[in-house]
Each structure stands twice: as structure tokens, then as C-alpha cells.
Protein backbone atom coordinates (compact mmCIF):
# COMPACT_ATOMS: atom_id res chain seq x y z
CA MET A 1 129.05 104.38 15.05
CA ASP A 2 132.25 105.79 13.71
CA LEU A 3 135.20 105.79 16.17
CA VAL A 4 137.75 108.35 15.26
CA HIS A 5 140.99 109.19 16.90
CA VAL A 6 141.41 112.92 16.91
CA PRO A 7 144.96 114.01 17.93
CA TYR A 8 144.87 116.98 20.29
CA LYS A 9 148.45 117.16 20.99
CA GLN A 10 148.89 115.93 24.58
CA ASP A 11 145.17 115.98 25.47
CA ARG A 12 144.72 112.38 24.41
CA LYS A 13 141.15 112.94 23.18
CA PHE A 14 138.93 110.72 21.11
CA GLN A 15 135.79 111.59 19.08
CA LEU A 16 132.90 109.09 18.63
CA ARG A 17 130.48 109.90 15.81
CA HIS A 18 127.12 108.19 15.95
CA ARG A 19 125.16 107.87 12.67
CA PRO A 20 121.70 106.33 13.25
CA GLY A 21 120.58 104.28 10.15
CA GLY A 22 117.73 105.64 8.13
CA LEU A 23 117.60 109.14 9.68
CA ARG A 24 118.28 111.71 7.01
CA ASP A 25 118.19 115.51 6.92
CA SER A 26 116.91 117.80 4.19
CA GLY A 27 120.29 117.41 2.30
CA ASN A 28 119.78 113.64 2.03
CA LYS A 29 122.75 113.07 4.31
CA LEU A 30 122.90 111.04 7.51
CA ARG A 31 122.78 113.22 10.62
CA ALA A 32 125.60 112.69 13.01
CA GLN A 33 126.22 113.24 16.75
CA SER A 34 129.72 113.57 18.06
CA TYR A 35 131.04 112.79 21.52
CA ALA A 36 134.46 113.56 22.82
CA PHE A 37 136.21 111.51 25.44
CA THR A 38 139.66 111.95 27.18
CA ALA A 39 141.80 109.01 28.32
CA SER A 40 142.94 109.47 32.02
CA THR A 41 146.34 107.61 31.54
CA LYS A 42 148.65 106.95 28.82
CA GLU A 43 147.97 103.17 29.06
CA GLU A 44 144.29 103.82 28.62
CA TYR A 45 145.05 105.99 25.66
CA VAL A 46 147.04 103.23 23.94
CA THR A 47 144.22 100.67 24.65
CA TRP A 48 141.58 103.01 23.16
CA LEU A 49 143.63 103.85 20.10
CA ASN A 50 144.35 100.12 19.27
CA GLY A 51 140.68 99.25 19.81
CA ILE A 52 139.61 102.11 17.47
CA LEU A 53 141.96 100.93 14.83
CA ARG A 54 140.77 97.38 15.07
CA TYR A 55 137.22 98.51 14.81
CA GLN A 56 137.81 100.62 11.78
CA VAL A 57 139.54 97.82 9.92
CA SER A 58 136.62 95.50 10.75
CA ALA A 59 134.11 98.03 9.68
CA GLY A 60 135.81 98.69 6.47
CA SER A 61 136.08 95.01 5.46
CA GLN A 62 132.39 94.59 6.25
CA GLY A 63 131.39 97.55 4.19
CA ARG A 64 133.20 96.12 1.14
CA GLU A 65 131.35 92.81 1.58
CA SER A 66 128.10 94.65 1.84
CA SER A 67 128.68 96.51 -1.36
CA SER A 68 129.36 93.31 -3.26
CA SER A 69 126.19 91.75 -2.00
CA GLU A 70 124.15 94.69 -3.03
CA MET A 71 125.53 94.70 -6.60
CA SER A 72 124.68 90.99 -6.94
CA GLY A 73 121.16 91.52 -5.64
CA SER A 74 120.68 94.54 -7.99
CA ALA A 75 121.67 92.30 -11.07
CA GLY A 76 119.30 89.60 -10.03
CA SER A 77 116.49 92.12 -9.74
CA THR A 78 117.15 93.36 -13.27
CA ALA A 79 117.00 89.96 -14.90
CA SER A 80 113.83 89.18 -13.05
CA GLY A 81 112.28 92.36 -14.11
CA SER A 82 113.01 91.75 -17.80
CA ILE A 83 110.52 88.79 -17.98
CA ARG A 84 107.70 90.81 -16.39
CA THR A 85 105.08 92.83 -18.22
CA GLN A 86 105.71 96.54 -18.85
CA GLN A 87 102.92 97.51 -16.52
CA GLY A 88 104.48 95.60 -13.69
CA GLU A 89 107.96 96.93 -14.20
CA ALA A 90 107.40 100.28 -12.53
CA GLY A 91 106.06 98.60 -9.48
CA ALA A 92 108.81 96.08 -9.30
CA ASN A 93 111.47 98.82 -9.62
CA ALA A 94 109.83 100.79 -6.82
CA THR A 95 109.81 97.58 -4.75
CA GLY A 96 113.41 96.90 -5.56
CA GLU A 97 114.51 100.42 -4.45
CA ASP A 98 112.66 99.93 -1.19
CA GLN A 99 114.44 96.65 -0.60
CA LEU A 100 117.80 98.10 -1.46
CA GLN A 101 117.38 100.87 1.04
CA GLN A 102 116.13 98.34 3.65
CA ARG A 103 119.38 96.24 3.05
CA GLN A 104 121.47 99.31 3.44
CA ASP A 105 119.87 100.25 6.68
CA GLU A 106 120.23 96.71 7.99
CA ALA A 107 123.85 96.61 6.96
CA CYS A 108 124.47 99.88 8.87
CA LEU A 109 122.88 98.49 11.94
CA GLN A 110 124.58 95.22 11.73
CA GLN A 111 128.17 96.56 11.54
CA ALA A 112 130.30 95.18 14.14
CA GLN A 113 130.25 97.32 17.35
CA PRO A 114 133.01 97.47 19.89
CA SER A 115 132.75 95.39 22.97
CA LEU A 116 131.22 97.15 25.97
CA GLY A 117 134.40 96.98 28.04
CA GLU A 118 136.74 98.14 25.24
CA PHE A 119 135.77 101.77 25.25
CA VAL A 120 134.28 102.24 28.72
CA TYR A 121 135.87 105.25 30.46
CA SER A 122 137.57 104.04 33.68
CA THR A 123 137.25 106.36 36.51
CA PRO A 124 140.31 106.47 38.80
CA PRO A 125 139.67 105.31 42.37
CA THR A 126 138.41 108.07 44.64
CA LYS A 127 139.50 108.62 48.19
CA HIS A 128 136.68 110.05 50.29
CA ILE A 129 138.14 111.96 53.17
CA VAL A 130 135.75 112.98 56.04
CA LEU A 131 137.23 115.62 58.46
CA VAL A 132 135.66 115.82 61.88
CA ARG A 133 136.50 118.30 64.63
CA HIS A 134 136.57 116.82 68.07
CA GLY A 135 133.70 117.46 70.51
CA HIS A 136 133.26 120.12 73.10
CA TYR A 137 135.87 119.78 75.93
CA ILE A 138 136.50 121.28 79.38
CA ASN A 139 139.31 123.59 80.39
CA ALA A 140 139.60 124.95 76.90
CA HIS A 141 140.51 128.46 78.09
CA VAL A 142 142.65 127.49 81.08
CA PRO A 143 146.25 128.61 80.58
CA GLN A 144 149.15 126.08 80.96
CA VAL A 145 146.70 123.14 81.36
CA SER A 146 147.92 119.66 80.48
CA ASP A 147 146.39 117.77 77.56
CA SER A 148 145.18 114.99 79.92
CA GLN A 149 142.93 117.58 81.67
CA GLN A 150 141.23 118.77 78.45
CA VAL A 151 138.77 115.96 78.13
CA LEU A 152 135.42 115.85 76.48
CA SER A 153 132.47 117.39 78.37
CA GLN A 154 129.10 115.67 78.49
CA MET A 155 127.99 117.86 75.64
CA GLY A 156 131.05 116.85 73.65
CA ARG A 157 130.28 113.15 74.11
CA GLN A 158 126.78 113.72 72.89
CA GLN A 159 128.04 115.53 69.85
CA ALA A 160 130.40 112.61 69.06
CA GLU A 161 127.51 110.07 69.40
CA PHE A 162 125.30 111.96 67.00
CA THR A 163 128.22 112.39 64.59
CA GLY A 164 129.04 108.70 64.67
CA LYS A 165 125.50 107.67 63.98
CA CYS A 166 125.26 110.05 61.06
CA LEU A 167 128.42 108.86 59.40
CA GLY A 168 127.63 105.15 60.10
CA THR A 169 124.18 105.55 58.55
CA ALA A 170 125.51 107.43 55.52
CA HIS A 171 128.10 104.80 54.87
CA ASN A 172 125.56 101.92 55.18
CA ARG A 173 123.53 103.41 52.39
CA VAL A 174 126.42 103.20 49.89
CA PRO A 175 125.56 100.42 47.47
CA THR A 176 129.20 99.17 47.25
CA ARG A 177 130.37 99.71 50.81
CA HIS A 178 134.01 99.66 51.61
CA ASP A 179 135.95 99.49 54.87
CA VAL A 180 136.35 102.75 56.79
CA THR A 181 139.75 103.72 58.24
CA ILE A 182 139.74 106.29 61.16
CA TYR A 183 142.84 108.37 61.82
CA HIS A 184 142.91 110.73 64.81
CA SER A 185 144.95 113.18 66.59
CA ASP A 186 146.76 111.73 69.62
CA MET A 187 145.37 114.66 71.80
CA THR A 188 142.90 113.49 74.48
CA ARG A 189 139.84 115.25 73.25
CA ALA A 190 140.35 113.78 69.73
CA VAL A 191 141.17 110.31 70.95
CA GLU A 192 137.94 110.28 72.92
CA THR A 193 135.87 111.69 70.00
CA ALA A 194 137.30 109.04 67.55
CA SER A 195 136.58 106.20 69.94
CA ILE A 196 132.96 107.23 70.27
CA ILE A 197 132.48 107.71 66.49
CA ALA A 198 134.05 104.21 65.79
CA ASN A 199 131.26 102.52 67.84
CA SER A 200 128.89 103.19 64.99
CA PHE A 201 131.09 101.31 62.41
CA GLY A 202 131.42 98.05 64.13
CA GLU A 203 134.93 96.69 63.43
CA VAL A 204 137.07 99.55 62.38
CA SER A 205 140.79 100.45 62.89
CA LEU A 206 141.66 103.45 65.05
CA ASN A 207 145.05 104.93 64.05
CA PRO A 208 146.49 107.85 66.22
CA SER A 209 148.81 110.21 64.50
CA PRO A 210 150.75 113.22 65.90
CA LEU A 211 150.52 114.88 62.41
CA LEU A 212 146.90 115.56 63.15
CA ARG A 213 147.61 117.57 66.37
CA GLU A 214 146.26 121.13 66.73
CA GLY A 215 148.49 123.87 65.52
CA TRP A 216 148.74 127.55 64.73
CA PRO A 217 149.17 128.28 60.93
CA GLY A 218 150.06 131.90 61.51
CA THR A 219 147.82 135.07 61.81
CA PRO A 220 144.18 134.02 61.06
CA TYR A 221 143.17 137.27 59.24
CA SER A 222 145.05 139.81 57.08
CA THR A 223 143.86 142.61 59.48
CA ASP A 224 145.12 140.88 62.64
CA PHE A 225 147.56 143.59 63.68
CA PRO A 226 147.41 147.33 63.12
CA VAL A 227 150.72 148.76 61.84
CA GLY A 228 151.65 150.14 65.26
CA GLY A 229 150.58 147.00 67.12
CA ALA A 230 152.69 144.87 64.82
CA ALA A 231 155.81 146.95 65.43
CA ALA A 232 155.34 146.83 69.19
CA ALA A 233 154.70 142.99 69.16
CA ARG A 234 157.96 142.34 67.29
CA ASN A 235 159.78 144.01 70.23
CA ASN A 236 158.89 141.40 72.82
CA SER A 237 159.59 137.70 73.30
CA THR A 238 155.96 136.71 72.93
CA PHE A 239 155.83 137.55 69.32
CA GLU A 240 159.10 135.73 68.71
CA ALA A 241 157.86 132.59 70.51
CA MET A 242 154.63 132.78 68.39
CA GLN A 243 156.67 133.05 65.13
CA GLU A 244 158.56 129.93 66.07
CA ARG A 245 155.51 128.02 67.00
CA THR A 246 153.96 129.00 63.61
CA ARG A 247 157.02 127.78 61.80
CA VAL A 248 157.03 124.40 63.46
CA ASP A 249 153.34 123.92 63.22
CA LEU A 250 153.22 124.91 59.50
CA LYS A 251 155.96 122.34 58.66
CA ARG A 252 153.91 119.57 60.44
CA MET A 253 150.60 120.61 58.84
CA GLU A 254 152.12 120.68 55.43
CA LYS A 255 153.51 117.09 56.02
CA ALA A 256 150.16 116.07 57.19
CA PHE A 257 148.37 117.36 54.05
CA THR A 258 150.90 115.63 51.81
CA TRP A 259 150.45 112.33 53.69
CA PHE A 260 146.69 112.19 53.57
CA PHE A 261 145.62 114.02 50.63
CA SER A 262 148.31 113.03 48.03
CA SER A 263 146.98 110.29 45.75
CA SER A 264 150.28 108.63 46.15
CA GLY A 265 150.51 109.24 49.91
CA GLU A 266 151.00 106.41 52.41
CA ALA A 267 147.51 106.75 53.73
CA GLN A 268 146.20 105.80 50.27
CA GLU A 269 145.59 102.05 50.17
CA GLU A 270 146.86 100.10 47.22
CA SER A 271 143.59 99.29 45.64
CA ASP A 272 141.69 100.05 42.51
CA GLU A 273 138.54 100.82 44.42
CA GLU A 274 137.39 103.95 46.23
CA SER A 275 138.19 104.25 49.96
CA PHE A 276 136.80 106.11 52.91
CA CYS A 277 138.95 107.71 55.53
CA VAL A 278 137.85 109.57 58.58
CA LEU A 279 140.18 112.08 60.17
CA VAL A 280 139.21 113.32 63.67
CA CYS A 281 141.35 116.30 64.43
CA HIS A 282 141.17 120.03 65.19
CA ALA A 283 139.59 123.31 63.89
CA ASN A 284 142.80 125.00 62.89
CA LEU A 285 144.21 121.98 61.11
CA ILE A 286 140.88 121.44 59.23
CA ARG A 287 141.06 125.15 58.21
CA PHE A 288 144.63 124.66 56.90
CA PHE A 289 143.50 121.54 54.91
CA LEU A 290 140.77 123.58 53.27
CA CYS A 291 143.03 126.28 52.29
CA ARG A 292 145.46 123.90 50.69
CA ALA A 293 142.72 121.95 49.00
CA LEU A 294 141.38 125.15 47.46
CA GLY A 295 144.91 126.27 46.31
CA VAL A 296 144.83 129.20 48.76
CA ASP A 297 147.70 130.36 50.90
CA PRO A 298 146.66 129.58 54.56
CA ALA A 299 148.49 132.69 55.82
CA ASN A 300 146.01 135.40 56.75
CA THR A 301 143.09 133.28 55.34
CA TRP A 302 142.60 130.20 57.46
CA GLY A 303 140.77 132.09 60.20
CA HIS A 304 137.74 132.79 57.84
CA PHE A 305 136.44 129.27 58.02
CA GLU A 306 133.93 128.35 60.70
CA ILE A 307 134.51 124.91 62.08
CA ASN A 308 132.11 123.78 64.90
CA HIS A 309 132.71 121.05 67.43
CA CYS A 310 131.98 117.77 65.62
CA GLY A 311 131.33 119.69 62.41
CA VAL A 312 131.91 117.51 59.27
CA THR A 313 133.94 118.63 56.25
CA ARG A 314 134.17 116.25 53.18
CA ILE A 315 136.93 116.31 50.54
CA ASP A 316 137.48 113.85 47.67
CA VAL A 317 140.86 113.05 46.25
CA CYS A 318 141.23 111.39 42.77
CA ALA A 319 144.32 110.73 40.69
CA ASN A 320 144.76 112.95 37.71
CA ARG A 321 141.99 115.28 38.92
CA PRO A 322 141.72 118.39 41.14
CA ILE A 323 140.92 117.86 44.76
CA LYS A 324 137.22 118.45 45.23
CA VAL A 325 135.77 120.14 48.40
CA ILE A 326 132.37 118.53 48.80
CA ALA A 327 131.10 120.06 52.05
CA VAL A 328 132.41 122.43 54.82
CA ASN A 329 131.36 122.25 58.47
CA GLU A 330 128.26 120.25 58.22
CA THR A 331 126.32 120.41 61.48
CA GLY A 332 122.76 119.27 60.36
CA HIS A 333 123.22 116.05 62.22
CA LEU A 334 123.43 117.82 65.56
CA PRO A 335 120.52 119.27 67.52
CA GLN A 336 120.49 123.11 67.66
CA SER A 337 121.42 122.95 71.33
CA LEU A 338 124.63 120.93 70.63
CA ILE A 339 126.09 123.29 67.94
CA THR A 340 128.80 125.04 69.73
CA SER A 341 131.16 127.74 68.64
CA SER A 342 134.55 127.15 66.95
CA GLU A 343 136.21 130.33 68.25
CA ASP A 344 138.12 128.49 71.13
CA HIS A 345 141.53 128.93 69.58
CA LEU A 346 141.34 132.21 67.64
């Protein structure tokens, strides 16, 4: 296998050419297969480059030794052949050519190969974020009701139990399991949902965060207001209050996204291994996170996502790679009778 450093400006790419011994095409040349790899960090780039250079020096020196050995073997065969009869010379020469070809093939296969760990591509640690909307709750549509009065209904508790069992079972199936950290909104319905889900994970830390509170990221759809309605709304205090609420909530939601989804955020543990983080929060915040993860402006867009009670959304965060949205609003773990609408706050 030939290891070749191919400079692609800042791409830090390498090319590996594999040449299997004894396999030749119609042109009597060795067939080659090429593979391209990209180093994820500058340090890995330097490690690979140094390893390739060491390998090439080693392969070159062994190639010269092999050539010297072949020349000596050829001279010996010639001397031996001179004392044979003329009838046996043709057969001896044919045998010598076969032996020479065999030695060349063996030398190709016996060339020093790089150690397994030297050129293995190291994947940066992945942070698996599982977003769960709280369960169904009472007094959802009662105006001016306090947070303490918006508690989970019996249906909401059942939804949370099914969700916890599903997440716990899925995590136990992972061959290399890691500890799970649960963050949740400090609003009552989210606190109760997170507590029920945590029962399926055994010992797990529960971390309340006001950053995960429900909010209003602006108008949910681009056609929310007709032209006349928008003009009329701007003339009353309700519209101004809504605008101020949107400004405050957007600032907090953006901070929450940076905190939990940035590869260098405080929520990312200092570890070289993958991590699992469950965020129990609210529909509008999950919609906002989805827009940001997809690189879409949440304004006039976030309302297009359907997020049911205890629906599960999965997003993976990995350094030096784009954020990956794995699943949106999974509800397959819930019986059909427990799938309730997410339109409470639109």
C-alpha cells in the first residue's frame, strides 16, 4: 500500500493507493485502488503526515534491499544453469522466472505496513441531544393562570412514563453506554415530566434551567397577519407588548441554543467520548432549536413544526461537523390514544 500526501490547500487530504501483489491488468501493470481521507484537526494532520513520511522512507529502503537480493539470486541461477544439459536449460530458465516472480510478489506483500493506530481516522466525540416536550397538562387555555396551577394531567403522566421507558430501553441497547444528563425547564409541567422520565434511568442528575422555559419566537407563519390586520394591530398596546415579549424570549432562546448545542458550550462535558443529554422543555423552544439547527431563520417559520406532548426530537452535535437533525417529533412510543395535539400555544 502506497501512502501519499496529496496537498489540497487547506483541505488537509491524504490519498492511500492500494496495490495488491500479483494482480495485473492487460497492460502488464499493477492495478491500483485509491482512497482519500481528510484529517479533522491540524494535530491529526501533522501526525498523519509524519507517519506517511516514515512509512515511505521505510518502504524505500526495503525496496533497495529486495532489489540487491534479487540480483544475487539471478546470478546464482545463471551459474547453476551453465553446468546443466542444453535440454534442461529451457525448463530451468522457466522455473527461475517463476521463482523470481514469486519472490517479487512476496517482497511486495512483506513490505512494512503502518501500525493500525497510526492512520486510523479519529471521529470527534458526538453529543447526542434528545429533546422531549412535556406531557399534557391542565389549565392550558385558562388566561392569567399561575405556573403552579398548570400541572400534568393523568394523560400527561402516562405520556411521560411511556417516554421514559422508551428512552431508557434505547439507551440500554447501546454497546458502550454512557451516563445520561437530564436538563429541564423550571416550569412545573416540565419539572414533573423530567422527574417521571428519570425513573427509567436509575441514578441520573436532574438539572433545572430557566433557559429552557417556554417562549414566543415571533409570528409562527409568514401569513399570520393580513396587511390591514397588521396595520391595525400596531395601533394598540397588545401588539407592542407582544413585540417586547418576542424580543426578550428570542434573546433567551438564542442563549439556550448556544449553551446546549455549541460544541464548546458549558453543557458539553470535558471528555473524549460521546455524551447523551436529554432536554425536557416546551414546543416553541424545540421549534426554535430545529430552525437554528437547520440554519433557518425562526421568524415566520417555527410554527410549521408539529411537536406533540412527549414527542421526541433527536439532534447530534459533533465538533468540526454540521449539526445533524436525526429525528423530529417521534411519537411511535406512545399509544394512539395518548398522542395529543401540539397546537396549545399557537
